[in-house]
Amino acid sequence: MIGMGDYCRGIASLALIALASACVPPGSGPLLGRGHVQDPDPTAAPRHEAEVVALPAPPPAWEARPVTPDARTVVASVYVVQQGDTLRGIANRIGAGSEAIARANGLVAPFMIRAGQRLSIPGGRYHLVRTGETGIAIARAYGVAWDQIIAVNELTEPYILRVGQRVLIPGAERPRTREERAAAFRIDIDDIVTGGQPAIPERTRPARATASSARVLPSTTPVAPPSALKGQFQWPVRGQIVRRFGPVASGERSDGLKIAVPHDTPVLAAADGTVAYVGSDIPSLGGLVILQHGGGWTTVYGHAGQLLVQRGQSVKRGQMIALSGDSGANRAQLHFEMRQGRTPVDPIPRLPARP
């Protein structure tokens, strides 16, 4: 959290930057192109995430609403449907998830059942989702990977849980200590995109995005992404690509581009979208903004020194969303990703060519 004096000075400096650049990133470095790929200096020390300057905002939902690991263990069994039963009522009585029962018995919406029908009840640990809980907080509470919870529950986009839903928790049923749970959980981009939204009550729609960064939505309010991608993507900055998408020399895989730019270079939204996340919860990426664009498209902007937007804010293509920095890195640069659904894709074929 920054003080009001620092906040006001930051806003004033940003206004000067915006006027000087007319919302177009300066071309002080080489133009983006398909040139030589080089890794940053490995001897340089990365900055700490505490040096990221952000607008005043509430903590993310998974911090604001922690989860108690009180899953109910259900033994696999067979249930004979009685007159007047509903699938939801059976699930609530037994403690299993209605979706899990439907999958186990090949039921499809509207999930009609009949008296005398025999239903297989899949056993396991089922967590009852409460108001404001997120997938990240649930995964952290049980010390399991959120993508495993997605898989066993066959969750799909937009991955917003429902209050009263029971999700199956994979893995061993032996209770873990707090230290074991903390050691087993690591948050990443996919977790934030698919597990960062708070649970929503039944028959309630997510909130619409706001155009103002001054109107901060509560972290426990789910936000609706755009319905469809609007227009084409543009480059978020101009600079030299120092790491490309795909395998790198270390044997790891790069899920995006690293683009070298001077400190405090305006970082622009690659397309119209809604801010899904702003913060620094992934230390290796430092200051981070994640935008959702509709149609399953997401863009990611990391290593920022200043974050200029808020979660739940709508932004336009070319709008300044951050200032570049070296947070979480060893040189000033931008980490830029594009994702289709949960899959990282190479941004270069989807961006306009540069001379």
Protein backbone atom coordinates (compact mmCIF):
# COMPACT_ATOMS: atom_id res chain seq x y z
CA MET A 1 0.00 0.00 0.00
CA ILE A 2 1.38 3.42 -0.87
CA GLY A 3 0.73 6.70 0.95
CA MET A 4 -1.50 9.37 -0.55
CA GLY A 5 1.47 11.67 -1.13
CA ASP A 6 3.30 9.03 -3.16
CA TYR A 7 0.04 8.18 -4.92
CA CYS A 8 -0.59 11.78 -6.00
CA ARG A 9 2.99 12.29 -7.14
CA GLY A 10 2.73 9.05 -9.13
CA ILE A 11 -0.46 10.18 -10.83
CA ALA A 12 1.11 13.53 -11.73
CA SER A 13 4.16 11.91 -13.25
CA LEU A 14 1.98 9.49 -15.22
CA ALA A 15 0.00 12.39 -16.64
CA LEU A 16 3.23 13.97 -17.92
CA ILE A 17 4.29 10.67 -19.46
CA ALA A 18 0.92 10.27 -21.17
CA LEU A 19 1.06 13.81 -22.60
CA ALA A 20 4.62 13.38 -23.83
CA SER A 21 3.97 10.05 -25.49
CA ALA A 22 0.34 10.60 -26.61
CA CYS A 23 -0.20 6.99 -25.44
CA VAL A 24 2.36 5.68 -27.95
CA PRO A 25 5.43 3.93 -26.50
CA PRO A 26 8.69 5.72 -27.28
CA GLY A 27 10.90 4.26 -29.95
CA SER A 28 14.09 4.79 -27.99
CA GLY A 29 15.08 1.15 -28.42
CA PRO A 30 15.25 -1.02 -31.52
CA LEU A 31 11.92 -1.84 -33.14
CA LEU A 32 10.38 -5.17 -32.33
CA GLY A 33 11.42 -7.68 -34.88
CA ARG A 34 12.53 -11.21 -35.47
CA GLY A 35 16.12 -10.61 -34.50
CA HIS A 36 18.68 -12.24 -32.24
CA VAL A 37 17.45 -13.87 -29.01
CA GLN A 38 19.64 -13.44 -25.96
CA ASP A 39 19.15 -14.25 -22.28
CA PRO A 40 19.43 -11.56 -19.61
CA ASP A 41 22.65 -11.25 -17.60
CA PRO A 42 22.49 -14.15 -15.11
CA THR A 43 24.88 -12.43 -12.69
CA ALA A 44 22.60 -9.47 -12.04
CA ALA A 45 20.43 -9.59 -8.93
CA PRO A 46 16.65 -9.37 -9.43
CA ARG A 47 14.70 -6.66 -7.62
CA HIS A 48 12.27 -7.55 -4.88
CA GLU A 49 8.52 -7.52 -5.48
CA ALA A 50 8.13 -4.96 -2.67
CA GLU A 51 9.55 -2.34 -5.05
CA VAL A 52 6.49 -2.59 -7.31
CA VAL A 53 4.28 0.51 -7.02
CA ALA A 54 0.55 -0.17 -7.32
CA LEU A 55 -2.63 1.83 -6.92
CA PRO A 56 -4.35 1.33 -3.55
CA ALA A 57 -6.40 -1.85 -3.81
CA PRO A 58 -7.84 -4.61 -1.61
CA PRO A 59 -5.91 -7.89 -1.32
CA PRO A 60 -6.72 -10.59 -3.88
CA ALA A 61 -9.76 -12.72 -3.14
CA TRP A 62 -7.72 -15.77 -2.17
CA GLU A 63 -6.04 -13.70 0.56
CA ALA A 64 -9.21 -11.84 1.61
CA ARG A 65 -11.22 -15.06 1.92
CA PRO A 66 -9.11 -17.98 3.18
CA VAL A 67 -10.58 -21.49 3.15
CA THR A 68 -10.89 -23.98 6.00
CA PRO A 69 -10.03 -27.53 4.80
CA ASP A 70 -13.18 -29.22 6.15
CA ALA A 71 -14.03 -31.50 3.23
CA ARG A 72 -16.49 -34.27 3.91
CA THR A 73 -15.39 -37.79 3.06
CA VAL A 74 -18.02 -39.77 1.15
CA VAL A 75 -17.82 -43.54 0.70
CA ALA A 76 -18.65 -44.88 -2.76
CA SER A 77 -22.14 -46.36 -2.75
CA VAL A 78 -25.38 -46.87 -4.68
CA TYR A 79 -28.46 -44.75 -3.97
CA VAL A 80 -31.99 -45.72 -4.99
CA VAL A 81 -33.99 -42.66 -6.01
CA GLN A 82 -37.13 -42.03 -3.95
CA GLN A 83 -40.30 -40.25 -5.02
CA GLY A 84 -39.75 -36.49 -4.92
CA ASP A 85 -35.94 -36.70 -4.96
CA THR A 86 -33.86 -34.23 -6.95
CA LEU A 87 -30.23 -34.65 -7.88
CA ARG A 88 -29.25 -31.57 -5.85
CA GLY A 89 -31.21 -32.80 -2.84
CA ILE A 90 -29.55 -36.22 -3.00
CA ALA A 91 -26.11 -34.63 -3.26
CA ASN A 92 -26.76 -32.33 -0.30
CA ARG A 93 -28.00 -35.22 1.84
CA ILE A 94 -25.07 -37.49 1.03
CA GLY A 95 -22.40 -34.76 0.91
CA ALA A 96 -21.18 -35.50 -2.61
CA GLY A 97 -21.12 -33.11 -5.57
CA SER A 98 -24.20 -33.14 -7.81
CA GLU A 99 -21.96 -32.69 -10.86
CA ALA A 100 -19.86 -35.70 -9.82
CA ILE A 101 -22.99 -37.84 -9.42
CA ALA A 102 -24.27 -36.69 -12.82
CA ARG A 103 -20.97 -37.58 -14.50
CA ALA A 104 -20.81 -40.98 -12.83
CA ASN A 105 -24.30 -41.83 -14.11
CA GLY A 106 -24.18 -40.24 -17.54
CA LEU A 107 -26.82 -37.63 -16.67
CA VAL A 108 -27.08 -34.48 -18.75
CA ALA A 109 -28.93 -31.19 -18.15
CA PRO A 110 -31.61 -30.80 -16.90
CA PHE A 111 -30.51 -33.89 -14.88
CA MET A 112 -33.88 -35.64 -14.69
CA ILE A 113 -34.06 -38.69 -12.42
CA ARG A 114 -36.93 -41.10 -11.69
CA ALA A 115 -38.11 -43.04 -8.67
CA GLY A 116 -36.43 -46.44 -8.40
CA GLN A 117 -33.41 -45.39 -10.44
CA ARG A 118 -30.09 -46.60 -9.00
CA LEU A 119 -27.40 -43.93 -8.89
CA SER A 120 -23.71 -44.63 -8.40
CA ILE A 121 -22.29 -42.23 -5.79
CA PRO A 122 -18.57 -41.60 -6.41
CA GLY A 123 -16.54 -41.62 -3.23
CA GLY A 124 -13.94 -39.05 -2.23
CA ARG A 125 -13.42 -35.80 -0.33
CA TYR A 126 -15.91 -33.07 -1.21
CA HIS A 127 -15.40 -29.41 -0.25
CA LEU A 128 -18.50 -27.23 0.14
CA VAL A 129 -17.88 -23.87 -1.56
CA ARG A 130 -18.80 -20.84 0.55
CA THR A 131 -19.35 -17.20 -0.38
CA GLY A 132 -16.23 -15.50 -1.73
CA GLU A 133 -14.05 -18.62 -1.86
CA THR A 134 -11.74 -19.02 -4.85
CA GLY A 135 -10.20 -22.01 -6.54
CA ILE A 136 -6.75 -20.79 -5.49
CA ALA A 137 -7.74 -20.59 -1.82
CA ILE A 138 -9.35 -24.03 -1.95
CA ALA A 139 -6.27 -25.59 -3.57
CA ARG A 140 -3.99 -23.86 -1.07
CA ALA A 141 -6.09 -25.03 1.89
CA TYR A 142 -5.73 -28.68 0.88
CA GLY A 143 -2.18 -28.45 -0.47
CA VAL A 144 -3.09 -29.69 -3.94
CA ALA A 145 -2.63 -28.18 -7.39
CA TRP A 146 -5.62 -26.22 -8.64
CA ASP A 147 -5.26 -27.71 -12.13
CA GLN A 148 -5.80 -31.16 -10.57
CA ILE A 149 -9.06 -29.93 -9.02
CA ILE A 150 -10.07 -28.58 -12.44
CA ALA A 151 -9.33 -31.95 -14.02
CA VAL A 152 -11.19 -34.21 -11.57
CA ASN A 153 -14.22 -31.91 -11.51
CA GLU A 154 -14.14 -31.25 -15.28
CA LEU A 155 -14.47 -27.51 -14.68
CA THR A 156 -14.71 -25.27 -17.74
CA GLU A 157 -14.48 -21.60 -18.66
CA PRO A 158 -15.16 -19.16 -17.03
CA TYR A 159 -14.15 -21.29 -13.98
CA ILE A 160 -16.34 -19.33 -11.55
CA LEU A 161 -17.43 -21.58 -8.69
CA ARG A 162 -20.98 -21.52 -7.32
CA VAL A 163 -21.83 -21.00 -3.66
CA GLY A 164 -23.12 -24.36 -2.37
CA GLN A 165 -21.23 -26.35 -5.01
CA ARG A 166 -19.26 -29.35 -3.79
CA VAL A 167 -15.93 -29.89 -5.49
CA LEU A 168 -14.01 -33.14 -5.33
CA ILE A 169 -10.54 -32.78 -3.77
CA PRO A 170 -8.01 -35.17 -5.37
CA GLY A 171 -5.14 -36.85 -3.57
CA ALA A 172 -4.58 -38.74 -0.35
CA GLU A 173 -7.11 -38.35 2.44
CA ARG A 174 -4.45 -38.18 5.17
CA PRO A 175 -4.69 -34.73 6.78
CA ARG A 176 -1.68 -32.54 5.99
CA THR A 177 -0.02 -30.10 8.32
CA ARG A 178 -0.11 -26.40 7.45
CA GLU A 179 3.58 -26.58 6.51
CA GLU A 180 2.98 -29.54 4.19
CA ARG A 181 0.07 -27.76 2.50
CA ALA A 182 2.11 -24.58 2.02
CA ALA A 183 5.04 -26.54 0.55
CA ALA A 184 2.76 -28.40 -1.88
CA PHE A 185 1.09 -25.31 -3.36
CA ARG A 186 2.63 -22.88 -5.86
CA ILE A 187 0.60 -20.19 -7.62
CA ASP A 188 1.10 -19.54 -11.33
CA ILE A 189 -0.55 -17.67 -14.22
CA ASP A 190 -2.98 -20.49 -14.98
CA ASP A 191 -4.10 -20.54 -11.34
CA ILE A 192 -4.88 -16.81 -11.40
CA VAL A 193 -6.74 -17.01 -14.72
CA THR A 194 -8.82 -20.07 -13.81
CA GLY A 195 -8.93 -19.97 -10.00
CA GLY A 196 -8.82 -16.30 -9.04
CA GLN A 197 -12.53 -15.47 -9.24
CA PRO A 198 -14.58 -15.63 -6.01
CA ALA A 199 -17.56 -17.99 -5.87
CA ILE A 200 -20.87 -16.54 -7.00
CA PRO A 201 -24.32 -17.24 -5.53
CA GLU A 202 -26.76 -19.34 -7.55
CA ARG A 203 -28.55 -17.42 -10.33
CA THR A 204 -26.31 -14.36 -9.84
CA ARG A 205 -24.24 -12.85 -12.63
CA PRO A 206 -20.68 -11.51 -12.28
CA ALA A 207 -20.28 -7.73 -12.04
CA ARG A 208 -19.64 -5.70 -15.18
CA ALA A 209 -16.24 -4.07 -15.56
CA THR A 210 -15.84 -0.35 -14.83
CA ALA A 211 -13.86 2.08 -16.96
CA SER A 212 -12.44 3.94 -13.95
CA SER A 213 -9.48 2.86 -11.85
CA ALA A 214 -10.92 4.96 -9.03
CA ARG A 215 -13.90 2.66 -8.63
CA VAL A 216 -12.39 -0.42 -7.02
CA LEU A 217 -14.60 -3.51 -6.96
CA PRO A 218 -14.37 -5.62 -3.78
CA SER A 219 -12.03 -8.57 -4.16
CA THR A 220 -14.93 -10.86 -3.24
CA THR A 221 -16.96 -9.68 -6.26
CA PRO A 222 -16.62 -11.85 -9.40
CA VAL A 223 -16.08 -9.84 -12.60
CA ALA A 224 -17.43 -10.79 -16.02
CA PRO A 225 -14.86 -11.07 -18.83
CA PRO A 226 -15.69 -9.63 -22.27
CA SER A 227 -18.02 -11.82 -24.32
CA ALA A 228 -15.79 -11.80 -27.42
CA LEU A 229 -12.43 -10.55 -28.66
CA LYS A 230 -12.78 -7.13 -30.26
CA GLY A 231 -10.36 -6.18 -33.04
CA GLN A 232 -6.77 -7.29 -33.48
CA PHE A 233 -3.86 -7.49 -31.03
CA GLN A 234 -1.07 -4.90 -31.03
CA TRP A 235 2.43 -4.88 -29.55
CA PRO A 236 2.41 -3.71 -25.91
CA VAL A 237 5.84 -2.02 -26.19
CA ARG A 238 8.61 -1.41 -28.71
CA GLY A 239 11.96 -2.98 -27.88
CA GLN A 240 14.37 -5.83 -28.56
CA ILE A 241 13.16 -9.37 -28.00
CA VAL A 242 15.64 -10.97 -25.62
CA ARG A 243 13.76 -14.24 -25.15
CA ARG A 244 11.29 -15.91 -27.47
CA PHE A 245 8.37 -18.25 -26.94
CA GLY A 246 9.23 -21.93 -26.61
CA PRO A 247 12.21 -23.95 -25.33
CA VAL A 248 15.20 -21.99 -24.01
CA ALA A 249 18.84 -22.90 -23.44
CA SER A 250 18.26 -23.88 -19.80
CA GLY A 251 15.91 -26.65 -20.92
CA GLU A 252 12.85 -24.85 -19.60
CA ARG A 253 10.04 -23.45 -21.68
CA SER A 254 9.22 -19.79 -22.17
CA ASP A 255 5.47 -19.18 -22.22
CA GLY A 256 5.89 -15.73 -23.76
CA LEU A 257 8.31 -13.06 -24.90
CA LYS A 258 10.87 -11.04 -22.94
CA ILE A 259 11.19 -7.58 -24.51
CA ALA A 260 13.98 -5.26 -23.37
CA VAL A 261 12.79 -1.70 -22.79
CA PRO A 262 14.01 1.27 -20.71
CA HIS A 263 12.66 1.75 -17.21
CA ASP A 264 9.27 3.51 -17.05
CA THR A 265 8.33 2.72 -20.66
CA PRO A 266 4.51 2.80 -21.00
CA VAL A 267 3.08 -0.72 -21.30
CA LEU A 268 -0.06 -0.71 -23.46
CA ALA A 269 -3.03 -3.08 -23.53
CA ALA A 270 -2.69 -5.38 -26.55
CA ALA A 271 -6.48 -5.36 -27.10
CA ASP A 272 -9.71 -4.26 -25.47
CA GLY A 273 -10.31 -6.22 -22.31
CA THR A 274 -11.05 -6.51 -18.61
CA VAL A 275 -8.35 -6.47 -15.92
CA ALA A 276 -8.47 -9.90 -14.28
CA TYR A 277 -5.49 -9.40 -11.95
CA VAL A 278 -3.05 -6.73 -10.76
CA GLY A 279 -0.34 -7.51 -8.22
CA SER A 280 2.93 -9.29 -7.54
CA ASP A 281 1.93 -12.70 -6.18
CA ILE A 282 4.24 -14.52 -8.63
CA PRO A 283 7.75 -13.38 -7.54
CA SER A 284 9.46 -14.45 -10.78
CA LEU A 285 7.23 -12.09 -12.78
CA GLY A 286 7.25 -9.14 -10.35
CA GLY A 287 4.63 -6.48 -11.05
CA LEU A 288 1.95 -8.21 -13.10
CA VAL A 289 -1.20 -7.30 -15.02
CA ILE A 290 -3.49 -9.93 -16.58
CA LEU A 291 -6.18 -8.95 -19.09
CA GLN A 292 -9.05 -11.06 -20.41
CA HIS A 293 -10.28 -10.24 -23.91
CA GLY A 294 -13.17 -12.62 -24.52
CA GLY A 295 -13.25 -15.73 -26.65
CA GLY A 296 -10.87 -17.39 -24.20
CA TRP A 297 -8.04 -14.93 -24.94
CA THR A 298 -5.81 -13.67 -22.13
CA THR A 299 -2.69 -11.47 -22.19
CA VAL A 300 -0.07 -11.21 -19.44
CA TYR A 301 2.30 -8.30 -18.71
CA GLY A 302 5.11 -8.90 -16.18
CA HIS A 303 8.17 -7.22 -14.58
CA ALA A 304 6.34 -3.90 -14.28
CA GLY A 305 7.66 -1.24 -11.93
CA GLN A 306 4.32 0.57 -11.64
CA LEU A 307 0.82 -0.85 -12.01
CA LEU A 308 -1.73 1.68 -13.27
CA VAL A 309 -5.01 -0.24 -13.42
CA GLN A 310 -7.28 -2.10 -11.03
CA ARG A 311 -8.91 -5.51 -11.09
CA GLY A 312 -12.36 -5.24 -12.66
CA GLN A 313 -11.42 -2.24 -14.82
CA SER A 314 -12.22 -2.23 -18.54
CA VAL A 315 -9.38 -1.06 -20.80
CA LYS A 316 -9.07 -0.18 -24.47
CA ARG A 317 -6.50 -1.35 -26.99
CA GLY A 318 -3.45 0.92 -26.66
CA GLN A 319 -4.37 2.16 -23.17
CA MET A 320 -1.46 2.49 -20.73
CA ILE A 321 -1.79 -0.18 -18.02
CA ALA A 322 1.68 -0.17 -16.42
CA LEU A 323 5.20 1.24 -16.57
CA SER A 324 8.03 -1.16 -17.31
CA GLY A 325 10.57 -2.12 -14.68
CA ASP A 326 12.86 -4.91 -13.56
CA SER A 327 10.75 -6.35 -10.76
CA GLY A 328 11.29 -10.10 -10.55
CA ALA A 329 14.00 -9.82 -13.24
CA ASN A 330 17.63 -8.82 -13.66
CA ARG A 331 17.11 -6.06 -16.20
CA ALA A 332 14.37 -3.68 -17.33
CA GLN A 333 12.07 -5.66 -19.62
CA LEU A 334 8.50 -6.72 -20.27
CA HIS A 335 7.31 -10.30 -19.99
CA PHE A 336 4.43 -10.66 -22.46
CA GLU A 337 2.22 -13.71 -22.87
CA MET A 338 -0.84 -14.58 -24.90
CA ARG A 339 -3.09 -17.49 -23.95
CA GLN A 340 -6.00 -19.14 -25.73
CA GLY A 341 -7.99 -20.84 -23.03
CA ARG A 342 -5.40 -22.36 -20.70
CA THR A 343 -2.78 -22.81 -23.42
CA PRO A 344 0.11 -20.33 -23.90
CA VAL A 345 0.58 -19.45 -27.59
CA ASP A 346 3.38 -17.72 -29.48
CA PRO A 347 2.46 -14.02 -29.65
CA ILE A 348 4.54 -13.16 -32.74
CA PRO A 349 2.26 -14.74 -35.41
CA ARG A 350 -0.71 -12.97 -33.82
CA LEU A 351 0.84 -9.51 -33.73
CA PRO A 352 1.39 -7.10 -36.65
CA ALA A 353 4.71 -7.33 -38.45
CA ARG A 354 7.31 -4.65 -37.73
CA PRO A 355 9.62 -3.15 -40.38
